[in-house]
Amino acid sequence: MGTMPRRALGWTAEVLKRLHGINYPITKDTLREKLAGMSIRGVPVERVIDEIEVDKFDTPRDVLHYIAEAVHKLEERGEIPTETRKGIRWAAEVLKRIHGEHFPMDKQKLKEKLAGLYWRGVPIEKVIDAMEVEQVESPADLLHQLSIAIKKLEEQGEVA
């Protein structure tokens, strides 16, 4: 069970990485093109995008929100197995708190911006300390580095 939320973090980081540098707003067609070949929880991303009811996205946060909503719809219909969505909500909260910040960003600045956040009972500061880099280059890099640090903490038995 410990790996499920990390998988959610994984797709959010991949989406952000693929959309890095793109000018918003973007259309559903652009989203489909940029995410081609990707799958989320074993479902082709195109199937997930088909569930999204809007045709335009104003921010990366909008993209993540609508994808998460589409995944939830597919879960409700039994098309994909249910798993905790905590990782998705957590990643969205991380992105909300760093929105508009300049990158690269060092660990100290990350701790200030993300203060009070917890990952499964572990203070975000401990997760940031476990990161193997001293700074992150982008929001996608931040989610990626956090997921690596969480895996490290899980392997050390510090996160259930």
Protein backbone atom coordinates (compact mmCIF):
# COMPACT_ATOMS: atom_id res chain seq x y z
CA MET A 1 0.00 0.00 0.00
CA GLY A 2 2.91 2.38 0.62
CA THR A 3 3.61 2.72 -3.09
CA MET A 4 0.16 3.79 -4.23
CA PRO A 5 0.34 7.51 -3.38
CA ARG A 6 3.80 7.68 -4.93
CA ARG A 7 2.32 6.46 -8.21
CA ALA A 8 -0.11 9.39 -8.09
CA LEU A 9 2.82 11.74 -7.52
CA GLY A 10 4.57 10.09 -10.45
CA TRP A 11 1.90 10.90 -13.02
CA THR A 12 1.52 14.48 -11.82
CA ALA A 13 5.26 15.05 -12.15
CA GLU A 14 5.25 13.46 -15.62
CA VAL A 15 2.34 15.65 -16.76
CA LEU A 16 4.09 18.79 -15.51
CA LYS A 17 7.37 17.75 -17.10
CA ARG A 18 5.70 17.22 -20.47
CA LEU A 19 3.90 20.58 -20.24
CA HIS A 20 6.94 22.53 -18.98
CA GLY A 21 7.49 25.77 -20.89
CA ILE A 22 4.15 25.67 -22.70
CA ASN A 23 2.08 28.86 -22.88
CA TYR A 24 -1.37 28.76 -21.27
CA PRO A 25 -4.23 28.55 -21.87
CA ILE A 26 -3.99 25.22 -23.71
CA THR A 27 -6.65 23.15 -25.43
CA LYS A 28 -7.64 19.56 -24.90
CA ASP A 29 -6.01 18.75 -28.27
CA THR A 30 -2.70 20.25 -27.12
CA LEU A 31 -2.97 18.28 -23.88
CA ARG A 32 -3.63 15.08 -25.84
CA GLU A 33 -0.62 15.79 -28.08
CA LYS A 34 1.79 16.60 -25.22
CA LEU A 35 0.75 13.59 -23.09
CA ALA A 36 0.58 11.06 -25.97
CA GLY A 37 1.84 7.62 -25.03
CA MET A 38 1.45 8.18 -21.31
CA SER A 39 -0.77 6.09 -19.07
CA ILE A 40 -2.26 6.85 -15.69
CA ARG A 41 -2.88 3.87 -13.43
CA GLY A 42 -2.71 1.57 -16.45
CA VAL A 43 -5.22 3.57 -18.50
CA PRO A 44 -4.04 5.35 -21.67
CA VAL A 45 -4.00 9.09 -21.01
CA GLU A 46 -6.21 9.64 -24.07
CA ARG A 47 -8.99 7.67 -22.32
CA VAL A 48 -8.59 9.85 -19.23
CA ILE A 49 -8.62 13.06 -21.32
CA ASP A 50 -11.84 11.85 -23.04
CA GLU A 51 -13.52 12.07 -19.61
CA ILE A 52 -12.62 15.74 -19.14
CA GLU A 53 -15.60 18.01 -19.78
CA VAL A 54 -13.72 21.25 -20.48
CA ASP A 55 -11.82 22.08 -23.65
CA LYS A 56 -9.43 24.69 -22.29
CA PHE A 57 -7.01 24.77 -19.34
CA ASP A 58 -5.71 28.07 -17.93
CA THR A 59 -2.96 26.74 -15.62
CA PRO A 60 -1.01 23.55 -14.88
CA ARG A 61 -3.09 23.27 -11.70
CA ASP A 62 -6.25 23.18 -13.87
CA VAL A 63 -4.77 20.34 -15.91
CA LEU A 64 -3.99 18.29 -12.80
CA HIS A 65 -7.41 19.02 -11.30
CA TYR A 66 -9.33 17.89 -14.38
CA ILE A 67 -7.18 14.81 -14.89
CA ALA A 68 -7.67 13.80 -11.23
CA GLU A 69 -11.41 14.39 -11.61
CA ALA A 70 -11.47 12.22 -14.77
CA VAL A 71 -9.57 9.43 -12.99
CA HIS A 72 -12.15 9.60 -10.19
CA LYS A 73 -15.02 9.25 -12.73
CA LEU A 74 -13.33 6.19 -14.23
CA GLU A 75 -12.90 4.74 -10.72
CA GLU A 76 -16.58 5.31 -9.93
CA ARG A 77 -17.59 3.42 -13.07
CA GLY A 78 -15.20 0.61 -12.18
CA GLU A 79 -13.05 1.14 -15.28
CA ILE A 80 -9.95 1.45 -13.12
CA PRO A 81 -9.38 0.10 -9.62
CA THR A 82 -9.88 2.46 -6.71
CA GLU A 83 -6.85 3.62 -4.78
CA THR A 84 -6.20 6.47 -2.42
CA ARG A 85 -6.23 9.87 -4.08
CA LYS A 86 -4.30 11.40 -1.22
CA GLY A 87 -1.13 11.65 -3.32
CA ILE A 88 -2.97 13.61 -6.00
CA ARG A 89 -4.44 16.08 -3.51
CA TRP A 90 -1.08 16.41 -1.77
CA ALA A 91 0.73 17.16 -5.05
CA ALA A 92 -1.92 19.76 -5.92
CA GLU A 93 -1.40 21.42 -2.52
CA VAL A 94 2.37 21.50 -3.06
CA LEU A 95 1.83 23.16 -6.46
CA LYS A 96 -0.63 25.66 -5.03
CA ARG A 97 1.85 26.77 -2.39
CA ILE A 98 4.71 27.32 -4.86
CA HIS A 99 2.56 28.88 -7.58
CA GLY A 100 4.23 31.99 -8.99
CA GLU A 101 7.57 31.32 -7.29
CA HIS A 102 10.84 31.59 -9.17
CA PHE A 103 13.02 28.56 -9.84
CA PRO A 104 15.51 27.16 -9.13
CA MET A 105 14.48 27.03 -5.47
CA ASP A 106 16.65 25.81 -2.60
CA LYS A 107 15.63 23.55 0.28
CA GLN A 108 15.29 26.41 2.78
CA LYS A 109 12.87 28.33 0.55
CA LEU A 110 10.92 25.09 -0.07
CA LYS A 111 10.62 24.55 3.69
CA GLU A 112 9.26 28.08 4.12
CA LYS A 113 6.73 27.73 1.29
CA LEU A 114 5.57 24.24 2.29
CA ALA A 115 5.64 24.66 6.09
CA GLY A 116 2.82 22.82 7.84
CA LEU A 117 2.38 20.17 5.13
CA TYR A 118 2.68 16.50 6.05
CA TRP A 119 3.13 13.36 3.99
CA ARG A 120 1.39 10.50 5.79
CA GLY A 121 2.21 12.00 9.18
CA VAL A 122 5.78 13.03 8.32
CA PRO A 123 6.51 16.78 8.33
CA ILE A 124 7.39 18.10 4.86
CA GLU A 125 10.64 19.46 6.30
CA LYS A 126 11.82 15.88 6.92
CA VAL A 127 10.91 14.89 3.35
CA ILE A 128 12.76 17.94 1.98
CA ASP A 129 15.80 17.06 4.13
CA ALA A 130 15.75 13.57 2.59
CA MET A 131 15.95 15.01 -0.95
CA GLU A 132 19.28 14.25 -2.58
CA VAL A 133 19.53 17.63 -4.32
CA GLU A 134 20.08 21.04 -2.75
CA GLN A 135 17.70 22.83 -5.11
CA VAL A 136 14.92 22.02 -7.57
CA GLU A 137 14.72 23.40 -11.08
CA SER A 138 10.94 23.48 -11.64
CA PRO A 139 7.59 22.44 -10.10
CA ALA A 140 7.85 19.10 -11.95
CA ASP A 141 11.38 18.57 -10.61
CA LEU A 142 10.09 19.36 -7.10
CA LEU A 143 7.38 16.67 -7.29
CA HIS A 144 9.92 14.23 -8.73
CA GLN A 145 12.49 14.93 -6.00
CA LEU A 146 9.82 14.69 -3.27
CA SER A 147 8.69 11.30 -4.62
CA ILE A 148 12.31 10.03 -4.57
CA ALA A 149 12.72 11.30 -0.98
CA ILE A 150 9.43 9.66 0.09
CA LYS A 151 10.58 6.35 -1.42
CA LYS A 152 13.85 6.67 0.49
CA LEU A 153 11.98 7.36 3.76
CA GLU A 154 9.66 4.41 3.07
CA GLU A 155 12.64 2.12 2.49
CA GLN A 156 14.13 3.32 5.79
CA GLY A 157 10.81 2.52 7.48
CA GLU A 158 10.16 6.14 8.43
CA VAL A 159 6.94 6.38 6.38
CA ALA A 160 4.33 3.63 6.51
